[in-house]
Amino acid sequence: MENFTNKLQSVNTFIFDFDGVLSDGKIYVQRDGEQVRATNVKDGYALQYALRKGYNVAVISGGYAESMRLRYKDFPGMEMFLKVKDKTIMFNDYLQQHNLKPENVLIMGDDIPDYKMMLMAGVKCCPADAAEEIKHISDYISPRCGGNGAVRDIIEQVLKLHGKWFEEDACLW
């Protein structure tokens, strides 16, 4: 655990998959064909708080539905990359655009399409219900499932370690 804590010291960027990480992985298809996913409000609070504290936050997902974008439209600075075929290319582009080093990036993924991208990051995390292959390469497995607080869990750990959690502005949205 000490090595994991040391890795968290250098994190300034969070990248999350959507389906199975920010959501529980279930997709509800409405009559008009729109796909709807459920997300967790506590994860949402942690995301906006990390953004306010100056962290980079991005979503790299193979999925796409307008509702995914709409969920985070009021989170200034959060970048959404949806319908991504090759996540490693998007990861490298994101690092270049923001002049980041891989060791400063924490990625939380849950399934095989996240595997190669996760190998490229300094810190690899997953929800409790992630695929076994993802658990095997993860530095940390949250006790929470995707869409049920796993994102809040890891953001809170990083911000607490950096002394930025529950500061004076914590009660603001």
N, C-alpha and C. Protein backbone atom coordinates (compact mmCIF):
# COMPACT_ATOMS: atom_id res chain seq x y z
N MET A 1 0.83 -1.21 0.00
CA MET A 1 0.00 0.00 0.00
C MET A 1 0.87 1.27 0.00
N GLU A 2 2.06 1.17 0.61
CA GLU A 2 2.95 2.33 0.66
C GLU A 2 3.35 2.78 -0.74
N ASN A 3 3.67 1.82 -1.62
CA ASN A 3 4.03 2.13 -3.00
C ASN A 3 2.87 2.83 -3.71
N PHE A 4 1.66 2.34 -3.46
CA PHE A 4 0.47 2.95 -4.06
C PHE A 4 0.32 4.40 -3.58
N THR A 5 0.48 4.63 -2.30
CA THR A 5 0.39 5.98 -1.75
C THR A 5 1.45 6.89 -2.35
N ASN A 6 2.64 6.37 -2.53
CA ASN A 6 3.71 7.15 -3.16
C ASN A 6 3.33 7.54 -4.59
N LYS A 7 2.73 6.61 -5.32
CA LYS A 7 2.30 6.91 -6.69
C LYS A 7 1.24 8.01 -6.71
N LEU A 8 0.36 8.01 -5.73
CA LEU A 8 -0.71 9.03 -5.68
C LEU A 8 -0.16 10.44 -5.48
N GLN A 9 1.02 10.56 -4.89
CA GLN A 9 1.62 11.87 -4.61
C GLN A 9 1.75 12.71 -5.88
N SER A 10 2.07 12.06 -7.01
CA SER A 10 2.35 12.81 -8.24
C SER A 10 1.13 12.98 -9.15
N VAL A 11 -0.04 12.50 -8.73
CA VAL A 11 -1.23 12.56 -9.58
C VAL A 11 -1.76 14.00 -9.67
N ASN A 12 -1.92 14.47 -10.91
CA ASN A 12 -2.58 15.76 -11.15
C ASN A 12 -3.68 15.63 -12.20
N THR A 13 -3.90 14.39 -12.66
CA THR A 13 -4.85 14.15 -13.73
C THR A 13 -5.60 12.84 -13.47
N PHE A 14 -6.92 12.92 -13.67
CA PHE A 14 -7.78 11.73 -13.56
C PHE A 14 -8.41 11.46 -14.92
N ILE A 15 -8.32 10.22 -15.37
CA ILE A 15 -9.01 9.80 -16.58
C ILE A 15 -9.89 8.60 -16.23
N PHE A 16 -11.15 8.69 -16.64
CA PHE A 16 -12.11 7.64 -16.32
C PHE A 16 -12.77 7.11 -17.59
N ASP A 17 -13.05 5.82 -17.58
CA ASP A 17 -13.96 5.24 -18.55
C ASP A 17 -15.36 5.62 -18.09
N PHE A 18 -16.33 5.57 -18.97
CA PHE A 18 -17.70 5.91 -18.58
C PHE A 18 -18.47 4.66 -18.16
N ASP A 19 -18.73 3.77 -19.12
CA ASP A 19 -19.55 2.59 -18.84
C ASP A 19 -18.81 1.62 -17.94
N GLY A 20 -19.37 1.38 -16.76
CA GLY A 20 -18.76 0.48 -15.80
C GLY A 20 -17.86 1.15 -14.79
N VAL A 21 -17.59 2.43 -14.98
CA VAL A 21 -16.79 3.21 -14.01
C VAL A 21 -17.63 4.37 -13.49
N LEU A 22 -17.98 5.31 -14.38
CA LEU A 22 -18.87 6.40 -13.98
C LEU A 22 -20.32 5.95 -13.91
N SER A 23 -20.63 4.89 -14.64
CA SER A 23 -21.97 4.29 -14.56
C SER A 23 -21.82 2.85 -14.09
N ASP A 24 -22.94 2.22 -13.78
CA ASP A 24 -22.88 0.83 -13.33
C ASP A 24 -22.78 -0.15 -14.50
N GLY A 25 -22.70 0.38 -15.71
CA GLY A 25 -22.54 -0.46 -16.89
C GLY A 25 -23.85 -0.83 -17.56
N LYS A 26 -24.96 -0.51 -16.92
CA LYS A 26 -26.25 -0.80 -17.53
C LYS A 26 -26.63 0.31 -18.49
N ILE A 27 -27.20 -0.07 -19.62
CA ILE A 27 -27.67 0.91 -20.61
C ILE A 27 -29.16 0.67 -20.81
N TYR A 28 -29.93 1.73 -20.61
CA TYR A 28 -31.37 1.67 -20.82
C TYR A 28 -31.67 2.36 -22.14
N VAL A 29 -32.32 1.64 -23.04
CA VAL A 29 -32.63 2.19 -24.36
C VAL A 29 -34.08 2.66 -24.35
N GLN A 30 -34.25 3.95 -24.62
CA GLN A 30 -35.59 4.52 -24.66
C GLN A 30 -36.23 4.26 -26.02
N ARG A 31 -37.52 4.53 -26.11
CA ARG A 31 -38.27 4.27 -27.35
C ARG A 31 -37.66 4.99 -28.56
N ASP A 32 -37.13 6.18 -28.33
CA ASP A 32 -36.56 6.95 -29.44
C ASP A 32 -35.13 6.50 -29.79
N GLY A 33 -34.64 5.48 -29.08
CA GLY A 33 -33.30 4.97 -29.35
C GLY A 33 -32.22 5.57 -28.48
N GLU A 34 -32.54 6.63 -27.74
CA GLU A 34 -31.56 7.26 -26.85
C GLU A 34 -31.14 6.26 -25.78
N GLN A 35 -29.84 6.21 -25.54
CA GLN A 35 -29.29 5.33 -24.52
C GLN A 35 -29.05 6.13 -23.25
N VAL A 36 -29.55 5.62 -22.15
CA VAL A 36 -29.44 6.33 -20.87
C VAL A 36 -28.66 5.47 -19.88
N ARG A 37 -27.74 6.11 -19.17
CA ARG A 37 -26.95 5.44 -18.15
C ARG A 37 -27.17 6.15 -16.82
N ALA A 38 -27.11 5.41 -15.74
CA ALA A 38 -27.23 6.00 -14.41
C ALA A 38 -25.84 6.28 -13.86
N THR A 39 -25.67 7.46 -13.27
CA THR A 39 -24.41 7.82 -12.63
C THR A 39 -24.68 8.15 -11.17
N ASN A 40 -23.61 8.27 -10.40
CA ASN A 40 -23.71 8.48 -8.97
C ASN A 40 -23.44 9.93 -8.62
N VAL A 41 -24.31 10.54 -7.84
CA VAL A 41 -24.16 11.96 -7.50
C VAL A 41 -22.92 12.20 -6.63
N LYS A 42 -22.52 11.23 -5.82
CA LYS A 42 -21.30 11.40 -5.01
C LYS A 42 -20.05 11.38 -5.89
N ASP A 43 -20.07 10.55 -6.93
CA ASP A 43 -18.98 10.59 -7.91
C ASP A 43 -18.95 11.97 -8.57
N GLY A 44 -20.14 12.48 -8.91
CA GLY A 44 -20.24 13.80 -9.54
C GLY A 44 -19.69 14.90 -8.65
N TYR A 45 -20.01 14.85 -7.37
CA TYR A 45 -19.47 15.85 -6.43
C TYR A 45 -17.95 15.81 -6.44
N ALA A 46 -17.38 14.62 -6.34
CA ALA A 46 -15.92 14.48 -6.29
C ALA A 46 -15.27 14.98 -7.59
N LEU A 47 -15.90 14.71 -8.72
CA LEU A 47 -15.37 15.18 -10.00
C LEU A 47 -15.32 16.70 -10.06
N GLN A 48 -16.43 17.35 -9.71
CA GLN A 48 -16.43 18.81 -9.79
C GLN A 48 -15.50 19.42 -8.76
N TYR A 49 -15.34 18.78 -7.62
CA TYR A 49 -14.44 19.29 -6.58
C TYR A 49 -12.98 19.17 -7.04
N ALA A 50 -12.64 18.05 -7.66
CA ALA A 50 -11.28 17.88 -8.20
C ALA A 50 -10.99 18.94 -9.26
N LEU A 51 -11.96 19.21 -10.12
CA LEU A 51 -11.79 20.25 -11.13
C LEU A 51 -11.55 21.61 -10.47
N ARG A 52 -12.32 21.92 -9.44
CA ARG A 52 -12.15 23.20 -8.74
C ARG A 52 -10.79 23.31 -8.08
N LYS A 53 -10.25 22.18 -7.68
CA LYS A 53 -8.95 22.16 -7.01
C LYS A 53 -7.79 22.16 -8.01
N GLY A 54 -8.10 22.23 -9.31
CA GLY A 54 -7.06 22.37 -10.32
C GLY A 54 -6.58 21.10 -10.97
N TYR A 55 -7.24 19.99 -10.73
CA TYR A 55 -6.86 18.73 -11.37
C TYR A 55 -7.45 18.67 -12.77
N ASN A 56 -6.77 17.98 -13.66
CA ASN A 56 -7.31 17.67 -14.98
C ASN A 56 -8.23 16.47 -14.82
N VAL A 57 -9.38 16.52 -15.47
CA VAL A 57 -10.32 15.40 -15.43
C VAL A 57 -10.84 15.16 -16.85
N ALA A 58 -10.76 13.89 -17.27
CA ALA A 58 -11.24 13.55 -18.61
C ALA A 58 -11.93 12.19 -18.58
N VAL A 59 -12.81 12.01 -19.54
CA VAL A 59 -13.46 10.73 -19.78
C VAL A 59 -13.02 10.26 -21.16
N ILE A 60 -12.55 9.03 -21.23
CA ILE A 60 -12.23 8.41 -22.52
C ILE A 60 -13.06 7.13 -22.58
N SER A 61 -14.03 7.13 -23.50
CA SER A 61 -14.99 6.03 -23.56
C SER A 61 -15.25 5.60 -24.99
N GLY A 62 -15.47 4.33 -25.16
CA GLY A 62 -15.88 3.82 -26.46
C GLY A 62 -17.37 4.04 -26.70
N GLY A 63 -18.10 4.27 -25.62
CA GLY A 63 -19.54 4.47 -25.72
C GLY A 63 -19.90 5.86 -26.19
N TYR A 64 -21.13 6.01 -26.64
CA TYR A 64 -21.61 7.34 -27.01
C TYR A 64 -23.13 7.41 -26.87
N ALA A 65 -23.56 8.44 -26.22
CA ALA A 65 -24.96 8.86 -26.18
C ALA A 65 -24.92 10.32 -25.75
N GLU A 66 -25.80 11.11 -26.29
CA GLU A 66 -25.82 12.53 -25.93
C GLU A 66 -26.02 12.71 -24.43
N SER A 67 -26.74 11.80 -23.80
CA SER A 67 -26.96 11.90 -22.35
C SER A 67 -25.65 11.81 -21.56
N MET A 68 -24.64 11.15 -22.10
CA MET A 68 -23.34 11.07 -21.44
C MET A 68 -22.71 12.46 -21.37
N ARG A 69 -22.79 13.19 -22.46
CA ARG A 69 -22.26 14.56 -22.50
C ARG A 69 -23.07 15.48 -21.60
N LEU A 70 -24.38 15.33 -21.67
CA LEU A 70 -25.26 16.20 -20.89
C LEU A 70 -25.03 16.07 -19.39
N ARG A 71 -24.71 14.87 -18.93
CA ARG A 71 -24.50 14.65 -17.50
C ARG A 71 -23.41 15.57 -16.95
N TYR A 72 -22.37 15.81 -17.71
CA TYR A 72 -21.23 16.59 -17.20
C TYR A 72 -21.05 17.94 -17.90
N LYS A 73 -22.08 18.42 -18.58
CA LYS A 73 -21.95 19.68 -19.32
C LYS A 73 -21.68 20.88 -18.42
N ASP A 74 -22.09 20.81 -17.16
CA ASP A 74 -21.88 21.92 -16.24
C ASP A 74 -20.66 21.72 -15.35
N PHE A 75 -19.73 20.91 -15.79
CA PHE A 75 -18.49 20.67 -15.05
C PHE A 75 -17.36 21.35 -15.84
N PRO A 76 -17.12 22.63 -15.56
CA PRO A 76 -16.12 23.38 -16.34
C PRO A 76 -14.74 22.72 -16.32
N GLY A 77 -14.21 22.51 -17.51
CA GLY A 77 -12.88 21.94 -17.65
C GLY A 77 -12.85 20.44 -17.82
N MET A 78 -13.97 19.77 -17.57
CA MET A 78 -13.98 18.31 -17.74
C MET A 78 -14.09 17.99 -19.22
N GLU A 79 -13.17 17.17 -19.70
CA GLU A 79 -13.14 16.85 -21.13
C GLU A 79 -13.75 15.47 -21.36
N MET A 80 -14.57 15.38 -22.40
CA MET A 80 -15.27 14.15 -22.74
C MET A 80 -14.84 13.68 -24.12
N PHE A 81 -14.26 12.51 -24.19
CA PHE A 81 -13.89 11.89 -25.46
C PHE A 81 -14.71 10.62 -25.59
N LEU A 82 -15.72 10.67 -26.43
CA LEU A 82 -16.66 9.56 -26.56
C LEU A 82 -16.53 8.91 -27.94
N LYS A 83 -16.99 7.69 -28.02
CA LYS A 83 -16.94 6.91 -29.26
C LYS A 83 -15.49 6.74 -29.73
N VAL A 84 -14.61 6.52 -28.76
CA VAL A 84 -13.18 6.37 -29.04
C VAL A 84 -12.89 4.92 -29.38
N LYS A 85 -12.36 4.70 -30.56
CA LYS A 85 -12.06 3.34 -31.01
C LYS A 85 -10.76 2.82 -30.38
N ASP A 86 -9.72 3.62 -30.39
CA ASP A 86 -8.43 3.22 -29.82
C ASP A 86 -8.08 4.18 -28.68
N LYS A 87 -8.24 3.72 -27.47
CA LYS A 87 -8.03 4.58 -26.30
C LYS A 87 -6.57 4.95 -26.10
N THR A 88 -5.64 4.14 -26.58
CA THR A 88 -4.23 4.48 -26.42
C THR A 88 -3.86 5.73 -27.24
N ILE A 89 -4.42 5.84 -28.43
CA ILE A 89 -4.17 7.02 -29.26
C ILE A 89 -4.73 8.26 -28.57
N MET A 90 -5.95 8.17 -28.05
CA MET A 90 -6.56 9.31 -27.36
C MET A 90 -5.78 9.68 -26.11
N PHE A 91 -5.31 8.68 -25.38
CA PHE A 91 -4.51 8.92 -24.18
C PHE A 91 -3.24 9.69 -24.54
N ASN A 92 -2.52 9.24 -25.55
CA ASN A 92 -1.30 9.93 -25.97
C ASN A 92 -1.59 11.35 -26.45
N ASP A 93 -2.66 11.53 -27.21
CA ASP A 93 -3.05 12.87 -27.66
C ASP A 93 -3.35 13.78 -26.48
N TYR A 94 -4.06 13.25 -25.50
CA TYR A 94 -4.42 14.03 -24.30
C TYR A 94 -3.15 14.45 -23.54
N LEU A 95 -2.21 13.52 -23.38
CA LEU A 95 -0.95 13.86 -22.70
C LEU A 95 -0.23 14.98 -23.43
N GLN A 96 -0.16 14.87 -24.76
CA GLN A 96 0.52 15.90 -25.57
C GLN A 96 -0.18 17.25 -25.44
N GLN A 97 -1.50 17.26 -25.60
CA GLN A 97 -2.27 18.52 -25.55
C GLN A 97 -2.09 19.24 -24.22
N HIS A 98 -1.92 18.48 -23.14
CA HIS A 98 -1.84 19.08 -21.80
C HIS A 98 -0.43 19.06 -21.22
N ASN A 99 0.53 18.63 -22.04
CA ASN A 99 1.92 18.58 -21.61
C ASN A 99 2.07 17.79 -20.30
N LEU A 100 1.51 16.59 -20.29
CA LEU A 100 1.51 15.74 -19.10
C LEU A 100 2.46 14.57 -19.26
N LYS A 101 2.91 14.04 -18.12
CA LYS A 101 3.71 12.83 -18.10
C LYS A 101 2.80 11.69 -17.63
N PRO A 102 3.01 10.49 -18.15
CA PRO A 102 2.16 9.36 -17.75
C PRO A 102 2.12 9.12 -16.24
N GLU A 103 3.24 9.36 -15.55
CA GLU A 103 3.28 9.11 -14.10
C GLU A 103 2.37 10.05 -13.30
N ASN A 104 1.93 11.14 -13.94
CA ASN A 104 1.02 12.07 -13.27
C ASN A 104 -0.45 11.73 -13.49
N VAL A 105 -0.71 10.67 -14.23
CA VAL A 105 -2.08 10.32 -14.62
C VAL A 105 -2.57 9.09 -13.88
N LEU A 106 -3.76 9.21 -13.31
CA LEU A 106 -4.47 8.09 -12.71
C LEU A 106 -5.62 7.73 -13.64
N ILE A 107 -5.68 6.46 -14.02
CA ILE A 107 -6.76 5.98 -14.87
C ILE A 107 -7.58 4.96 -14.10
N MET A 108 -8.90 5.08 -14.22
CA MET A 108 -9.79 4.05 -13.70
C MET A 108 -10.58 3.48 -14.86
N GLY A 109 -10.35 2.19 -15.11
CA GLY A 109 -11.07 1.47 -16.15
C GLY A 109 -11.66 0.20 -15.56
N ASP A 110 -12.46 -0.49 -16.36
CA ASP A 110 -13.13 -1.67 -15.82
C ASP A 110 -13.14 -2.88 -16.74
N ASP A 111 -12.79 -2.71 -18.01
CA ASP A 111 -12.94 -3.84 -18.92
C ASP A 111 -11.84 -3.84 -19.98
N ILE A 112 -11.82 -4.87 -20.79
CA ILE A 112 -10.76 -5.13 -21.76
C ILE A 112 -10.41 -3.91 -22.64
N PRO A 113 -11.38 -3.13 -23.14
CA PRO A 113 -11.00 -1.98 -23.97
C PRO A 113 -10.13 -0.94 -23.24
N ASP A 114 -10.10 -0.98 -21.90
CA ASP A 114 -9.29 -0.05 -21.12
C ASP A 114 -7.87 -0.57 -20.87
N TYR A 115 -7.64 -1.83 -21.11
CA TYR A 115 -6.42 -2.53 -20.71
C TYR A 115 -5.14 -1.83 -21.18
N LYS A 116 -4.97 -1.64 -22.48
CA LYS A 116 -3.72 -1.06 -23.01
C LYS A 116 -3.54 0.38 -22.56
N MET A 117 -4.63 1.14 -22.52
CA MET A 117 -4.53 2.53 -22.05
C MET A 117 -4.08 2.56 -20.59
N MET A 118 -4.64 1.68 -19.78
CA MET A 118 -4.27 1.64 -18.37
C MET A 118 -2.79 1.33 -18.17
N LEU A 119 -2.25 0.44 -18.99
CA LEU A 119 -0.83 0.10 -18.87
C LEU A 119 0.07 1.31 -19.06
N MET A 120 -0.43 2.32 -19.74
CA MET A 120 0.36 3.51 -20.05
C MET A 120 0.36 4.54 -18.92
N ALA A 121 -0.51 4.40 -17.95
CA ALA A 121 -0.67 5.40 -16.89
C ALA A 121 0.21 5.10 -15.68
N GLY A 122 0.50 6.14 -14.92
CA GLY A 122 1.29 6.00 -13.71
C GLY A 122 0.55 5.26 -12.62
N VAL A 123 -0.77 5.47 -12.53
CA VAL A 123 -1.58 4.81 -11.50
C VAL A 123 -2.79 4.19 -12.19
N LYS A 124 -2.97 2.90 -11.94
CA LYS A 124 -4.05 2.14 -12.56
C LYS A 124 -5.03 1.69 -11.48
N CYS A 125 -6.30 2.04 -11.63
CA CYS A 125 -7.32 1.69 -10.64
C CYS A 125 -8.53 1.11 -11.34
N CYS A 126 -9.34 0.40 -10.56
CA CYS A 126 -10.57 -0.16 -11.12
C CYS A 126 -11.61 -0.32 -10.02
N PRO A 127 -12.88 -0.39 -10.42
CA PRO A 127 -13.95 -0.68 -9.47
C PRO A 127 -13.91 -2.15 -9.05
N ALA A 128 -14.63 -2.47 -7.98
CA ALA A 128 -14.66 -3.83 -7.45
C ALA A 128 -15.18 -4.85 -8.46
N ASP A 129 -16.06 -4.42 -9.36
CA ASP A 129 -16.67 -5.34 -10.31
C ASP A 129 -16.01 -5.32 -11.68
N ALA A 130 -14.76 -4.89 -11.74
CA ALA A 130 -14.02 -4.86 -13.01
C ALA A 130 -13.70 -6.28 -13.48
N ALA A 131 -13.37 -6.40 -14.75
CA ALA A 131 -12.94 -7.67 -15.32
C ALA A 131 -11.65 -8.12 -14.64
N GLU A 132 -11.47 -9.41 -14.54
CA GLU A 132 -10.29 -9.97 -13.86
C GLU A 132 -8.98 -9.47 -14.48
N GLU A 133 -8.94 -9.34 -15.80
CA GLU A 133 -7.73 -8.87 -16.47
C GLU A 133 -7.37 -7.45 -16.02
N ILE A 134 -8.37 -6.65 -15.77
CA ILE A 134 -8.14 -5.27 -15.32
C ILE A 134 -7.71 -5.26 -13.85
N LYS A 135 -8.33 -6.07 -13.05
CA LYS A 135 -7.93 -6.17 -11.64
C LYS A 135 -6.46 -6.59 -11.53
N HIS A 136 -6.06 -7.49 -12.41
CA HIS A 136 -4.70 -8.03 -12.38
C HIS A 136 -3.63 -6.94 -12.58
N ILE A 137 -3.91 -5.93 -13.39
CA ILE A 137 -2.91 -4.88 -13.66
C ILE A 137 -3.10 -3.64 -12.79
N SER A 138 -4.14 -3.61 -11.97
CA SER A 138 -4.46 -2.42 -11.18
C SER A 138 -3.60 -2.28 -9.93
N ASP A 139 -3.21 -1.04 -9.65
CA ASP A 139 -2.50 -0.72 -8.42
C ASP A 139 -3.48 -0.69 -7.24
N TYR A 140 -4.75 -0.40 -7.56
CA TYR A 140 -5.77 -0.28 -6.53
C TYR A 140 -7.11 -0.76 -7.08
N ILE A 141 -7.80 -1.57 -6.31
CA ILE A 141 -9.15 -2.02 -6.63
C ILE A 141 -10.07 -1.42 -5.58
N SER A 142 -10.93 -0.52 -6.01
CA SER A 142 -11.86 0.10 -5.07
C SER A 142 -12.81 -0.95 -4.50
N PRO A 143 -13.20 -0.82 -3.25
CA PRO A 143 -14.21 -1.72 -2.70
C PRO A 143 -15.61 -1.42 -3.25
N ARG A 144 -15.73 -0.33 -3.99
CA ARG A 144 -17.02 0.08 -4.55
C ARG A 144 -17.10 -0.34 -6.02
N CYS A 145 -18.30 -0.62 -6.46
CA CYS A 145 -18.52 -1.00 -7.85
C CYS A 145 -18.63 0.23 -8.74
N GLY A 146 -18.49 0.02 -10.04
CA GLY A 146 -18.65 1.11 -11.00
C GLY A 146 -20.03 1.73 -10.89
N GLY A 147 -20.09 3.06 -10.95
CA GLY A 147 -21.36 3.77 -10.85
C GLY A 147 -21.90 3.83 -9.43
N ASN A 148 -21.13 3.34 -8.47
CA ASN A 148 -21.58 3.30 -7.08
C ASN A 148 -20.53 3.82 -6.11
N GLY A 149 -19.79 4.83 -6.53
CA GLY A 149 -18.86 5.48 -5.63
C GLY A 149 -17.39 5.14 -5.81
N ALA A 150 -17.04 4.34 -6.80
CA ALA A 150 -15.63 4.01 -7.03
C ALA A 150 -14.83 5.25 -7.42
N VAL A 151 -15.44 6.13 -8.22
CA VAL A 151 -14.77 7.36 -8.64
C VAL A 151 -14.56 8.28 -7.44
N ARG A 152 -15.58 8.44 -6.62
CA ARG A 152 -15.46 9.25 -5.40
C ARG A 152 -14.37 8.70 -4.50
N ASP A 153 -14.31 7.38 -4.36
CA ASP A 153 -13.32 6.72 -3.52
C ASP A 153 -11.90 7.15 -3.90
N ILE A 154 -11.56 7.04 -5.18
CA ILE A 154 -10.18 7.32 -5.58
C ILE A 154 -9.87 8.82 -5.60
N ILE A 155 -10.83 9.64 -6.01
CA ILE A 155 -10.59 11.09 -5.98
C ILE A 155 -10.40 11.56 -4.55
N GLU A 156 -11.24 11.09 -3.66
CA GLU A 156 -11.13 11.48 -2.26
C GLU A 156 -9.76 11.08 -1.69
N GLN A 157 -9.29 9.89 -2.01
CA GLN A 157 -7.98 9.46 -1.52
C GLN A 157 -6.87 10.41 -1.99
N VAL A 158 -6.89 10.75 -3.26
CA VAL A 158 -5.84 11.62 -3.81
C VAL A 158 -5.91 13.00 -3.18
N LEU A 159 -7.10 13.59 -3.13
CA LEU A 159 -7.23 14.93 -2.58
C LEU A 159 -6.89 14.99 -1.10
N LYS A 160 -7.25 13.96 -0.35
CA LYS A 160 -6.88 13.91 1.08
C LYS A 160 -5.36 13.85 1.22
N LEU A 161 -4.72 13.02 0.42
CA LEU A 161 -3.27 12.90 0.46
C LEU A 161 -2.58 14.22 0.13
N HIS A 162 -3.17 14.97 -0.80
CA HIS A 162 -2.62 16.26 -1.21
C HIS A 162 -3.05 17.41 -0.30
N GLY A 163 -3.85 17.13 0.71
CA GLY A 163 -4.31 18.16 1.63
C GLY A 163 -5.34 19.10 1.01
N LYS A 164 -6.10 18.61 0.02
CA LYS A 164 -7.07 19.47 -0.68
C LYS A 164 -8.51 19.03 -0.48
N TRP A 165 -8.75 18.03 0.35
CA TRP A 165 -10.11 17.53 0.57
C TRP A 165 -10.74 18.25 1.76
N PHE A 166 -11.99 18.57 1.66
CA PHE A 166 -12.79 19.16 2.73
C PHE A 166 -12.18 20.47 3.22
N GLU A 167 -11.81 21.30 2.27
CA GLU A 167 -11.32 22.63 2.60
C GLU A 167 -12.52 23.57 2.72
N GLU A 168 -12.25 24.84 2.92
CA GLU A 168 -13.30 25.84 3.15
C GLU A 168 -14.37 25.84 2.07
N ASP A 169 -13.99 25.56 0.82
CA ASP A 169 -14.95 25.59 -0.30
C ASP A 169 -15.66 24.26 -0.54
N ALA A 170 -15.46 23.30 0.34
CA ALA A 170 -16.01 21.95 0.14
C ALA A 170 -17.55 21.94 0.13
N CYS A 171 -18.16 22.85 0.82
CA CYS A 171 -19.63 22.86 0.93
C CYS A 171 -20.30 23.60 -0.22
N LEU A 172 -19.51 24.04 -1.18
CA LEU A 172 -20.06 24.73 -2.36
C LEU A 172 -20.14 23.74 -3.51
N TRP A 173 -21.10 23.94 -4.39
CA TRP A 173 -21.18 23.06 -5.56
C TRP A 173 -20.71 23.79 -6.77
